[in-house]
Amino acid sequence: WLERVAAGGLATGRVRLISGDRLLLAEALGGNPDIAVYDGEVTSAGRIELMAFLREQVISITAHRFGTPDRAVAQLHL
């Protein structure tokens, strides 16, 4: 896995290191600051473990500042 990481085969910006040496991983990454490595103790609370890995997105279909839905926007299939 470390060889693949060193060759640029990592397609994510976040890694949850459950086991292994964080220094070896940092060396394989070449000190890339764009990749976050989470190497702390694993908790039994899934909600806590996933907080750093979930992205929240909010979509609004109102097209008016007072919150009145626009008919054209309301017809979009999301």
N, C-alpha and C. Protein backbone atom coordinates (compact mmCIF):
# COMPACT_ATOMS: atom_id res chain seq x y z
N TRP A 1 0.82 -1.18 0.00
CA TRP A 1 0.00 0.00 0.00
C TRP A 1 0.86 1.24 0.00
N LEU A 2 1.91 1.23 0.78
CA LEU A 2 2.80 2.39 0.84
C LEU A 2 3.48 2.65 -0.51
N GLU A 3 3.80 1.58 -1.23
CA GLU A 3 4.40 1.74 -2.57
C GLU A 3 3.40 2.41 -3.51
N ARG A 4 2.15 2.01 -3.43
CA ARG A 4 1.11 2.62 -4.27
C ARG A 4 0.90 4.08 -3.91
N VAL A 5 0.93 4.39 -2.62
CA VAL A 5 0.80 5.78 -2.17
C VAL A 5 1.97 6.61 -2.69
N ALA A 6 3.17 6.07 -2.58
CA ALA A 6 4.37 6.79 -3.03
C ALA A 6 4.34 7.03 -4.54
N ALA A 7 3.69 6.14 -5.29
CA ALA A 7 3.61 6.28 -6.74
C ALA A 7 2.48 7.21 -7.17
N GLY A 8 1.79 7.81 -6.19
CA GLY A 8 0.70 8.74 -6.51
C GLY A 8 -0.64 8.05 -6.70
N GLY A 9 -0.78 6.85 -6.18
CA GLY A 9 -2.01 6.09 -6.36
C GLY A 9 -3.08 6.35 -5.32
N LEU A 10 -2.97 7.42 -4.59
CA LEU A 10 -3.97 7.75 -3.57
C LEU A 10 -4.93 8.76 -4.16
N ALA A 11 -6.21 8.40 -4.22
CA ALA A 11 -7.21 9.26 -4.88
C ALA A 11 -8.11 9.96 -3.88
N THR A 12 -7.58 10.29 -2.72
CA THR A 12 -8.39 10.95 -1.70
C THR A 12 -7.54 12.00 -0.98
N GLY A 13 -8.19 12.87 -0.28
CA GLY A 13 -7.49 13.89 0.47
C GLY A 13 -7.45 13.60 1.96
N ARG A 14 -8.05 12.45 2.36
CA ARG A 14 -8.10 12.10 3.78
C ARG A 14 -7.86 10.61 3.94
N VAL A 15 -7.03 10.26 4.91
CA VAL A 15 -6.72 8.87 5.19
C VAL A 15 -6.96 8.60 6.66
N ARG A 16 -7.69 7.53 6.95
CA ARG A 16 -7.88 7.09 8.35
C ARG A 16 -6.93 5.92 8.56
N LEU A 17 -5.85 6.16 9.27
CA LEU A 17 -4.84 5.14 9.53
C LEU A 17 -5.21 4.38 10.79
N ILE A 18 -5.67 3.16 10.62
CA ILE A 18 -6.11 2.36 11.75
C ILE A 18 -4.93 1.59 12.34
N SER A 19 -4.06 1.14 11.50
CA SER A 19 -2.88 0.41 11.94
C SER A 19 -1.73 0.79 11.02
N GLY A 20 -0.56 0.75 11.51
CA GLY A 20 0.58 1.09 10.68
C GLY A 20 1.34 2.26 11.26
N ASP A 21 2.41 2.60 10.60
CA ASP A 21 3.30 3.65 11.07
C ASP A 21 3.01 4.95 10.34
N ARG A 22 2.62 5.97 11.07
CA ARG A 22 2.27 7.25 10.45
C ARG A 22 3.47 7.92 9.82
N LEU A 23 4.66 7.68 10.36
CA LEU A 23 5.86 8.29 9.78
C LEU A 23 6.18 7.67 8.42
N LEU A 24 5.98 6.35 8.29
CA LEU A 24 6.19 5.71 6.99
C LEU A 24 5.19 6.22 5.97
N LEU A 25 3.95 6.44 6.40
CA LEU A 25 2.94 6.97 5.50
C LEU A 25 3.29 8.40 5.10
N ALA A 26 3.76 9.21 6.04
CA ALA A 26 4.14 10.59 5.73
C ALA A 26 5.29 10.61 4.73
N GLU A 27 6.24 9.70 4.88
CA GLU A 27 7.34 9.61 3.92
C GLU A 27 6.84 9.19 2.55
N ALA A 28 5.91 8.22 2.50
CA ALA A 28 5.36 7.77 1.23
C ALA A 28 4.58 8.89 0.54
N LEU A 29 3.94 9.73 1.33
CA LEU A 29 3.20 10.86 0.78
C LEU A 29 4.12 12.00 0.36
N GLY A 30 5.36 11.93 0.74
CA GLY A 30 6.30 12.98 0.40
C GLY A 30 6.03 14.29 1.11
N GLY A 31 5.38 14.20 2.27
CA GLY A 31 5.07 15.41 3.02
C GLY A 31 4.00 16.27 2.38
N ASN A 32 3.16 15.68 1.55
CA ASN A 32 2.10 16.41 0.84
C ASN A 32 1.11 17.01 1.85
N PRO A 33 1.01 18.33 1.93
CA PRO A 33 0.10 18.96 2.89
C PRO A 33 -1.37 18.89 2.46
N ASP A 34 -1.64 18.44 1.24
CA ASP A 34 -3.02 18.36 0.77
C ASP A 34 -3.72 17.08 1.22
N ILE A 35 -3.00 16.17 1.86
CA ILE A 35 -3.60 14.92 2.32
C ILE A 35 -3.55 14.88 3.84
N ALA A 36 -4.72 14.80 4.45
CA ALA A 36 -4.84 14.75 5.91
C ALA A 36 -4.79 13.30 6.36
N VAL A 37 -3.97 13.02 7.36
CA VAL A 37 -3.85 11.67 7.91
C VAL A 37 -4.40 11.70 9.33
N TYR A 38 -5.43 10.90 9.55
CA TYR A 38 -6.04 10.77 10.87
C TYR A 38 -5.53 9.47 11.48
N ASP A 39 -4.66 9.58 12.48
CA ASP A 39 -4.02 8.38 13.02
C ASP A 39 -4.28 8.20 14.51
N GLY A 40 -5.27 8.87 15.04
CA GLY A 40 -5.57 8.74 16.46
C GLY A 40 -6.21 7.41 16.79
N GLU A 41 -6.44 7.21 18.06
CA GLU A 41 -7.08 5.98 18.52
C GLU A 41 -8.45 5.82 17.89
N VAL A 42 -8.80 4.61 17.54
CA VAL A 42 -10.12 4.32 16.98
C VAL A 42 -11.12 4.32 18.13
N THR A 43 -12.26 4.97 17.90
CA THR A 43 -13.30 4.98 18.91
C THR A 43 -14.41 4.02 18.51
N SER A 44 -15.23 3.65 19.45
CA SER A 44 -16.34 2.75 19.15
C SER A 44 -17.57 3.52 18.66
N ALA A 45 -17.48 4.84 18.65
CA ALA A 45 -18.61 5.68 18.20
C ALA A 45 -18.42 6.01 16.72
N GLY A 46 -19.22 5.39 15.88
CA GLY A 46 -19.14 5.61 14.44
C GLY A 46 -19.36 7.06 14.04
N ARG A 47 -20.24 7.74 14.73
CA ARG A 47 -20.51 9.15 14.41
C ARG A 47 -19.27 10.01 14.60
N ILE A 48 -18.49 9.68 15.61
CA ILE A 48 -17.27 10.45 15.86
C ILE A 48 -16.22 10.12 14.80
N GLU A 49 -16.09 8.84 14.47
CA GLU A 49 -15.11 8.41 13.48
C GLU A 49 -15.38 9.04 12.11
N LEU A 50 -16.63 9.16 11.74
CA LEU A 50 -16.98 9.63 10.40
C LEU A 50 -17.04 11.14 10.25
N MET A 51 -16.95 11.88 11.35
CA MET A 51 -17.10 13.34 11.26
C MET A 51 -16.14 13.98 10.27
N ALA A 52 -14.92 13.52 10.21
CA ALA A 52 -13.93 14.12 9.32
C ALA A 52 -14.07 13.66 7.87
N PHE A 53 -14.90 12.64 7.62
CA PHE A 53 -14.97 12.06 6.30
C PHE A 53 -16.27 12.35 5.56
N LEU A 54 -17.27 12.84 6.24
CA LEU A 54 -18.54 13.15 5.59
C LEU A 54 -18.55 14.61 5.16
N ARG A 55 -19.10 14.84 3.99
CA ARG A 55 -19.25 16.22 3.52
C ARG A 55 -20.74 16.55 3.49
N GLU A 56 -21.08 17.64 4.11
CA GLU A 56 -22.47 18.06 4.15
C GLU A 56 -22.69 19.07 3.03
N GLN A 57 -23.80 18.91 2.34
CA GLN A 57 -24.13 19.83 1.26
C GLN A 57 -25.58 20.27 1.41
N VAL A 58 -25.81 21.53 1.28
CA VAL A 58 -27.15 22.08 1.38
C VAL A 58 -27.55 22.60 0.01
N ILE A 59 -28.76 22.23 -0.41
CA ILE A 59 -29.28 22.69 -1.69
C ILE A 59 -30.58 23.44 -1.44
N SER A 60 -30.68 24.60 -1.98
CA SER A 60 -31.89 25.40 -1.83
C SER A 60 -32.53 25.59 -3.19
N ILE A 61 -33.87 25.43 -3.24
CA ILE A 61 -34.54 25.60 -4.53
C ILE A 61 -35.32 26.90 -4.60
N THR A 62 -35.11 27.78 -3.66
CA THR A 62 -35.78 29.07 -3.75
C THR A 62 -34.93 30.01 -4.58
N ALA A 63 -35.58 30.81 -5.36
CA ALA A 63 -34.88 31.74 -6.23
C ALA A 63 -35.19 33.18 -5.87
N HIS A 64 -35.72 33.37 -4.69
CA HIS A 64 -36.11 34.72 -4.27
C HIS A 64 -35.62 34.94 -2.86
N ARG A 65 -35.23 36.12 -2.54
CA ARG A 65 -34.65 36.38 -1.23
C ARG A 65 -35.64 36.24 -0.08
N PHE A 66 -36.95 36.27 -0.36
CA PHE A 66 -37.94 36.11 0.70
C PHE A 66 -38.36 34.66 0.88
N GLY A 67 -37.75 33.74 0.09
CA GLY A 67 -38.06 32.32 0.25
C GLY A 67 -39.21 31.81 -0.59
N THR A 68 -39.75 32.63 -1.46
CA THR A 68 -40.83 32.17 -2.32
C THR A 68 -40.25 31.30 -3.43
N PRO A 69 -40.71 30.05 -3.56
CA PRO A 69 -40.16 29.18 -4.60
C PRO A 69 -40.47 29.71 -6.00
N ASP A 70 -39.51 29.64 -6.85
CA ASP A 70 -39.67 30.01 -8.25
C ASP A 70 -40.22 28.79 -9.00
N ARG A 71 -41.23 29.00 -9.85
CA ARG A 71 -41.85 27.86 -10.56
C ARG A 71 -40.86 27.14 -11.43
N ALA A 72 -39.99 27.84 -12.10
CA ALA A 72 -39.01 27.20 -12.98
C ALA A 72 -38.02 26.35 -12.18
N VAL A 73 -37.62 26.85 -11.04
CA VAL A 73 -36.68 26.11 -10.21
C VAL A 73 -37.38 24.92 -9.55
N ALA A 74 -38.63 25.09 -9.16
CA ALA A 74 -39.38 24.01 -8.51
C ALA A 74 -39.61 22.84 -9.44
N GLN A 75 -39.56 23.03 -10.76
CA GLN A 75 -39.77 21.95 -11.72
C GLN A 75 -38.51 21.13 -11.98
N LEU A 76 -37.38 21.55 -11.44
CA LEU A 76 -36.16 20.80 -11.64
C LEU A 76 -36.21 19.47 -10.92
N HIS A 77 -35.70 18.44 -11.55
CA HIS A 77 -35.63 17.11 -10.94
C HIS A 77 -34.25 16.94 -10.33
N LEU A 78 -34.18 16.99 -9.01
CA LEU A 78 -32.90 16.86 -8.30
C LEU A 78 -32.67 15.45 -7.85
